[in-house]
């Protein structure tokens, strides 16, 4: 992979990381426990609030996983291991990396894992 594309991907990963950290920061500021007082909120409303809270927690877990993947990709760039499949050690197609720069598998190995 040429240095220009590698730098472009590195910048994309850094942007992804900053965006995810900002989203996580906003989530933590807005995360409030669900009020369980039936005199103030009806049962259905509480159930909706609890479901929304659970969905927000799941989204937070996904963001944290994406952050780990972005950090890992940045470390692979620094160590010159980036862009190679972790399974077969072949070069990952640049188009695949441009879609998701944290990909660690070539398309063939990824399909084998899904099968």
N, C-alpha and C. Protein backbone atom coordinates (compact mmCIF):
# COMPACT_ATOMS: atom_id res chain seq x y z
N UNK A 1 0.85 -1.17 0.00
CA UNK A 1 0.00 0.00 0.00
C UNK A 1 0.90 1.24 0.00
N UNK A 2 0.52 2.22 -0.82
CA UNK A 2 1.37 3.40 -0.89
C UNK A 2 1.17 4.30 0.33
N UNK A 3 2.15 5.12 0.59
CA UNK A 3 2.15 5.99 1.79
C UNK A 3 0.98 6.96 1.81
N UNK A 4 0.57 7.47 0.65
CA UNK A 4 -0.56 8.40 0.59
C UNK A 4 -1.86 7.76 1.06
N UNK A 5 -2.13 6.56 0.58
CA UNK A 5 -3.35 5.84 1.00
C UNK A 5 -3.27 5.49 2.49
N UNK A 6 -2.09 5.08 2.93
CA UNK A 6 -1.91 4.73 4.33
C UNK A 6 -2.18 5.94 5.23
N UNK A 7 -1.69 7.10 4.84
CA UNK A 7 -1.92 8.32 5.61
C UNK A 7 -3.40 8.70 5.58
N UNK A 8 -4.03 8.51 4.44
CA UNK A 8 -5.46 8.80 4.32
C UNK A 8 -6.26 7.91 5.28
N UNK A 9 -5.91 6.66 5.33
CA UNK A 9 -6.60 5.73 6.24
C UNK A 9 -6.30 6.08 7.69
N UNK A 10 -5.07 6.44 7.98
CA UNK A 10 -4.71 6.83 9.35
C UNK A 10 -5.54 8.03 9.79
N UNK A 11 -5.69 9.01 8.93
CA UNK A 11 -6.51 10.19 9.25
C UNK A 11 -7.97 9.81 9.44
N UNK A 12 -8.46 8.90 8.60
CA UNK A 12 -9.84 8.42 8.74
C UNK A 12 -10.03 7.72 10.08
N UNK A 13 -9.08 6.88 10.47
CA UNK A 13 -9.16 6.19 11.76
C UNK A 13 -9.13 7.18 12.93
N UNK A 14 -8.29 8.19 12.83
CA UNK A 14 -8.24 9.20 13.90
C UNK A 14 -9.55 9.96 14.00
N UNK A 15 -10.17 10.27 12.86
CA UNK A 15 -11.47 10.95 12.86
C UNK A 15 -12.54 10.06 13.47
N UNK A 16 -12.55 8.79 13.08
CA UNK A 16 -13.51 7.83 13.64
C UNK A 16 -13.35 7.77 15.16
N UNK A 17 -12.11 7.71 15.60
CA UNK A 17 -11.83 7.62 17.04
C UNK A 17 -12.35 8.86 17.78
N UNK A 18 -12.07 10.04 17.24
CA UNK A 18 -12.55 11.28 17.88
C UNK A 18 -14.07 11.32 17.90
N UNK A 19 -14.71 10.94 16.79
CA UNK A 19 -16.18 10.94 16.74
C UNK A 19 -16.77 9.98 17.77
N UNK A 20 -16.20 8.79 17.86
CA UNK A 20 -16.70 7.80 18.83
C UNK A 20 -16.51 8.28 20.26
N UNK A 21 -15.36 8.88 20.54
CA UNK A 21 -15.11 9.39 21.89
C UNK A 21 -16.09 10.50 22.24
N UNK A 22 -16.40 11.36 21.28
CA UNK A 22 -17.36 12.44 21.51
C UNK A 22 -18.76 11.88 21.77
N UNK A 23 -19.16 10.89 20.98
CA UNK A 23 -20.46 10.26 21.18
C UNK A 23 -20.53 9.60 22.56
N UNK A 24 -19.46 8.95 22.94
CA UNK A 24 -19.44 8.28 24.25
C UNK A 24 -19.49 9.29 25.38
N UNK A 25 -18.79 10.39 25.21
CA UNK A 25 -18.82 11.46 26.22
C UNK A 25 -20.24 12.01 26.37
N UNK A 26 -20.91 12.26 25.24
CA UNK A 26 -22.30 12.75 25.28
C UNK A 26 -23.23 11.73 25.92
N UNK A 27 -23.00 10.44 25.62
CA UNK A 27 -23.82 9.39 26.21
C UNK A 27 -23.68 9.39 27.73
N UNK A 28 -22.46 9.48 28.21
CA UNK A 28 -22.23 9.43 29.66
C UNK A 28 -22.82 10.64 30.36
N UNK A 29 -22.82 11.79 29.68
CA UNK A 29 -23.41 12.99 30.28
C UNK A 29 -24.93 12.87 30.35
N UNK A 30 -25.53 12.20 29.35
CA UNK A 30 -26.98 12.10 29.27
C UNK A 30 -27.55 10.86 29.94
N UNK A 31 -26.70 9.92 30.35
CA UNK A 31 -27.18 8.67 30.93
C UNK A 31 -27.71 8.91 32.33
N UNK A 32 -28.99 8.75 32.46
CA UNK A 32 -29.64 8.90 33.76
C UNK A 32 -30.37 7.63 34.10
N UNK A 33 -30.41 7.25 35.37
CA UNK A 33 -31.18 6.07 35.75
C UNK A 33 -32.67 6.29 35.49
N UNK A 34 -33.35 5.21 35.20
CA UNK A 34 -34.79 5.27 34.96
C UNK A 34 -35.50 5.46 36.29
N UNK A 35 -36.40 6.42 36.32
CA UNK A 35 -37.18 6.69 37.53
C UNK A 35 -38.24 5.61 37.69
N UNK A 36 -38.31 5.01 38.86
CA UNK A 36 -39.24 3.92 39.09
C UNK A 36 -40.46 4.33 39.93
N UNK A 37 -40.65 5.58 40.15
CA UNK A 37 -41.76 6.09 40.95
C UNK A 37 -43.04 6.05 40.12
N UNK A 38 -43.99 5.15 40.48
CA UNK A 38 -45.22 4.99 39.71
C UNK A 38 -46.13 6.21 39.82
N UNK A 39 -45.98 7.01 40.84
CA UNK A 39 -46.85 8.18 40.97
C UNK A 39 -46.49 9.25 39.95
N UNK A 40 -45.24 9.24 39.46
CA UNK A 40 -44.82 10.26 38.49
C UNK A 40 -44.87 9.74 37.05
N UNK A 41 -44.59 8.47 36.86
CA UNK A 41 -44.51 7.91 35.51
C UNK A 41 -45.29 6.61 35.49
N UNK A 42 -46.07 6.41 34.42
CA UNK A 42 -46.84 5.17 34.28
C UNK A 42 -45.96 4.00 33.96
N UNK A 43 -46.54 2.81 34.14
CA UNK A 43 -45.79 1.57 33.93
C UNK A 43 -45.28 1.45 32.49
N UNK A 44 -46.12 1.76 31.51
CA UNK A 44 -45.72 1.67 30.11
C UNK A 44 -44.59 2.66 29.81
N UNK A 45 -44.71 3.86 30.34
CA UNK A 45 -43.68 4.86 30.12
C UNK A 45 -42.35 4.42 30.73
N UNK A 46 -42.40 3.81 31.90
CA UNK A 46 -41.18 3.31 32.53
C UNK A 46 -40.57 2.19 31.70
N UNK A 47 -41.43 1.30 31.17
CA UNK A 47 -40.94 0.21 30.33
C UNK A 47 -40.28 0.77 29.08
N UNK A 48 -40.90 1.78 28.47
CA UNK A 48 -40.29 2.43 27.31
C UNK A 48 -38.95 3.05 27.68
N UNK A 49 -38.90 3.74 28.80
CA UNK A 49 -37.66 4.39 29.24
C UNK A 49 -36.57 3.35 29.50
N UNK A 50 -36.95 2.23 30.10
CA UNK A 50 -35.97 1.17 30.37
C UNK A 50 -35.47 0.56 29.06
N UNK A 51 -36.37 0.40 28.09
CA UNK A 51 -35.95 -0.15 26.80
C UNK A 51 -35.01 0.81 26.08
N UNK A 52 -35.32 2.09 26.11
CA UNK A 52 -34.47 3.09 25.49
C UNK A 52 -33.11 3.12 26.16
N UNK A 53 -33.12 3.03 27.50
CA UNK A 53 -31.86 3.02 28.24
C UNK A 53 -31.02 1.80 27.86
N UNK A 54 -31.65 0.65 27.71
CA UNK A 54 -30.93 -0.57 27.34
C UNK A 54 -30.36 -0.46 25.94
N UNK A 55 -31.13 0.12 25.02
CA UNK A 55 -30.63 0.31 23.66
C UNK A 55 -29.43 1.27 23.65
N UNK A 56 -29.48 2.29 24.49
CA UNK A 56 -28.37 3.24 24.59
C UNK A 56 -27.12 2.56 25.16
N UNK A 57 -27.30 1.67 26.13
CA UNK A 57 -26.17 0.92 26.68
C UNK A 57 -25.56 0.00 25.63
N UNK A 58 -26.41 -0.65 24.83
CA UNK A 58 -25.91 -1.51 23.76
C UNK A 58 -25.13 -0.69 22.74
N UNK A 59 -25.63 0.48 22.39
CA UNK A 59 -24.93 1.36 21.45
C UNK A 59 -23.58 1.78 22.03
N UNK A 60 -23.53 2.04 23.33
CA UNK A 60 -22.29 2.40 24.00
C UNK A 60 -21.28 1.26 23.93
N UNK A 61 -21.74 0.04 24.13
CA UNK A 61 -20.85 -1.13 24.03
C UNK A 61 -20.29 -1.27 22.61
N UNK A 62 -21.14 -1.04 21.61
CA UNK A 62 -20.67 -1.12 20.22
C UNK A 62 -19.64 -0.03 19.93
N UNK A 63 -19.86 1.18 20.45
CA UNK A 63 -18.89 2.27 20.26
C UNK A 63 -17.56 1.92 20.91
N UNK A 64 -17.61 1.35 22.11
CA UNK A 64 -16.38 0.97 22.81
C UNK A 64 -15.61 -0.09 22.01
N UNK A 65 -16.34 -1.04 21.43
CA UNK A 65 -15.70 -2.07 20.60
C UNK A 65 -15.08 -1.43 19.36
N UNK A 66 -15.78 -0.49 18.74
CA UNK A 66 -15.23 0.21 17.57
C UNK A 66 -13.98 1.00 17.94
N UNK A 67 -13.98 1.58 19.13
CA UNK A 67 -12.79 2.31 19.58
C UNK A 67 -11.59 1.38 19.71
N UNK A 68 -11.81 0.22 20.27
CA UNK A 68 -10.73 -0.77 20.42
C UNK A 68 -10.22 -1.18 19.04
N UNK A 69 -11.14 -1.40 18.10
CA UNK A 69 -10.73 -1.80 16.75
C UNK A 69 -9.95 -0.68 16.05
N UNK A 70 -10.38 0.57 16.24
CA UNK A 70 -9.67 1.70 15.64
C UNK A 70 -8.28 1.84 16.24
N UNK A 71 -8.17 1.72 17.56
CA UNK A 71 -6.86 1.78 18.22
C UNK A 71 -5.94 0.67 17.72
N UNK A 72 -6.49 -0.51 17.57
CA UNK A 72 -5.71 -1.65 17.09
C UNK A 72 -5.22 -1.39 15.67
N UNK A 73 -6.07 -0.84 14.82
CA UNK A 73 -5.67 -0.55 13.44
C UNK A 73 -4.56 0.51 13.43
N UNK A 74 -4.69 1.53 14.27
CA UNK A 74 -3.65 2.56 14.34
C UNK A 74 -2.31 1.97 14.80
N UNK A 75 -2.36 1.03 15.74
CA UNK A 75 -1.12 0.38 16.20
C UNK A 75 -0.51 -0.47 15.08
N UNK A 76 -1.37 -1.11 14.27
CA UNK A 76 -0.85 -1.90 13.14
C UNK A 76 -0.21 -0.99 12.10
N UNK A 77 -0.76 0.21 11.92
CA UNK A 77 -0.15 1.16 10.99
C UNK A 77 1.24 1.53 11.49
N UNK A 78 1.36 1.82 12.78
CA UNK A 78 2.65 2.21 13.36
C UNK A 78 3.69 1.09 13.24
N UNK A 79 3.23 -0.14 13.35
CA UNK A 79 4.17 -1.27 13.31
C UNK A 79 4.36 -1.83 11.90
N UNK A 80 3.77 -1.17 10.91
CA UNK A 80 3.85 -1.59 9.49
C UNK A 80 3.18 -2.93 9.22
N UNK A 81 2.25 -3.34 10.07
CA UNK A 81 1.50 -4.58 9.86
C UNK A 81 0.13 -4.32 9.27
N UNK A 82 -0.21 -3.06 9.07
CA UNK A 82 -1.56 -2.70 8.62
C UNK A 82 -1.78 -3.11 7.17
N UNK A 83 -2.99 -3.57 6.90
CA UNK A 83 -3.38 -3.89 5.53
C UNK A 83 -3.16 -5.33 5.15
N UNK A 84 -2.73 -6.13 6.10
CA UNK A 84 -2.52 -7.55 5.84
C UNK A 84 -3.49 -8.37 6.68
N UNK A 85 -4.04 -9.40 6.05
CA UNK A 85 -5.01 -10.28 6.70
C UNK A 85 -4.36 -10.99 7.89
N UNK A 86 -5.04 -10.97 9.02
CA UNK A 86 -4.50 -11.64 10.21
C UNK A 86 -4.60 -13.16 10.11
N UNK A 87 -5.39 -13.65 9.17
CA UNK A 87 -5.55 -15.09 9.03
C UNK A 87 -4.57 -15.67 8.01
N UNK A 88 -4.54 -15.09 6.79
CA UNK A 88 -3.72 -15.68 5.73
C UNK A 88 -2.50 -14.83 5.38
N UNK A 89 -2.38 -13.64 5.95
CA UNK A 89 -1.26 -12.73 5.75
C UNK A 89 -1.18 -12.15 4.34
N UNK A 90 -2.27 -12.28 3.57
CA UNK A 90 -2.34 -11.64 2.25
C UNK A 90 -2.77 -10.19 2.43
N UNK A 91 -2.48 -9.36 1.43
CA UNK A 91 -2.85 -7.95 1.51
C UNK A 91 -4.37 -7.81 1.38
N UNK A 92 -4.96 -6.98 2.23
CA UNK A 92 -6.40 -6.71 2.20
C UNK A 92 -6.64 -5.66 1.12
N UNK A 93 -7.66 -5.87 0.30
CA UNK A 93 -7.99 -4.94 -0.78
C UNK A 93 -8.24 -3.55 -0.20
N UNK A 94 -7.66 -2.54 -0.82
CA UNK A 94 -7.78 -1.16 -0.35
C UNK A 94 -9.24 -0.70 -0.31
N UNK A 95 -10.05 -1.20 -1.23
CA UNK A 95 -11.48 -0.82 -1.23
C UNK A 95 -12.16 -1.32 0.05
N UNK A 96 -11.79 -2.48 0.50
CA UNK A 96 -12.35 -3.03 1.75
C UNK A 96 -11.91 -2.18 2.94
N UNK A 97 -10.66 -1.75 2.93
CA UNK A 97 -10.14 -0.93 4.03
C UNK A 97 -10.74 0.48 4.01
N UNK A 98 -11.07 0.99 2.85
CA UNK A 98 -11.67 2.32 2.78
C UNK A 98 -13.10 2.30 3.32
N UNK A 99 -13.79 1.17 3.19
CA UNK A 99 -15.15 1.05 3.74
C UNK A 99 -15.08 0.94 5.26
N UNK A 100 -14.19 0.09 5.76
CA UNK A 100 -13.99 -0.08 7.20
C UNK A 100 -12.49 -0.24 7.44
N UNK A 101 -11.84 0.85 7.82
CA UNK A 101 -10.38 0.80 7.98
C UNK A 101 -9.91 -0.08 9.13
N UNK A 102 -10.82 -0.58 9.95
CA UNK A 102 -10.42 -1.46 11.04
C UNK A 102 -10.52 -2.94 10.67
N UNK A 103 -10.84 -3.23 9.39
CA UNK A 103 -10.90 -4.63 8.95
C UNK A 103 -9.57 -5.32 9.17
N UNK A 104 -9.64 -6.54 9.64
CA UNK A 104 -8.42 -7.31 9.90
C UNK A 104 -8.31 -8.54 9.01
N UNK A 105 -9.36 -8.81 8.24
CA UNK A 105 -9.38 -10.00 7.40
C UNK A 105 -9.63 -9.62 5.94
N UNK A 106 -9.02 -10.35 5.02
CA UNK A 106 -9.34 -10.18 3.61
C UNK A 106 -10.75 -10.74 3.39
N UNK A 107 -11.32 -10.45 2.24
CA UNK A 107 -12.70 -10.86 1.98
C UNK A 107 -12.85 -12.38 1.98
N UNK A 108 -11.85 -13.09 1.49
CA UNK A 108 -11.92 -14.56 1.44
C UNK A 108 -11.96 -15.14 2.84
N UNK A 109 -11.07 -14.68 3.71
CA UNK A 109 -11.04 -15.19 5.09
C UNK A 109 -12.28 -14.76 5.87
N UNK A 110 -12.76 -13.54 5.61
CA UNK A 110 -13.97 -13.06 6.29
C UNK A 110 -15.16 -13.93 5.90
N UNK A 111 -15.25 -14.30 4.63
CA UNK A 111 -16.35 -15.17 4.19
C UNK A 111 -16.24 -16.55 4.80
N UNK A 112 -15.02 -17.06 4.96
CA UNK A 112 -14.81 -18.37 5.59
C UNK A 112 -15.27 -18.32 7.05
N UNK A 113 -14.99 -17.20 7.74
CA UNK A 113 -15.37 -17.07 9.15
C UNK A 113 -16.89 -17.03 9.29
N UNK A 114 -17.58 -16.42 8.33
CA UNK A 114 -19.04 -16.30 8.40
C UNK A 114 -19.74 -17.59 8.04
N UNK A 115 -19.08 -18.46 7.30
CA UNK A 115 -19.71 -19.69 6.83
C UNK A 115 -19.93 -20.67 7.94
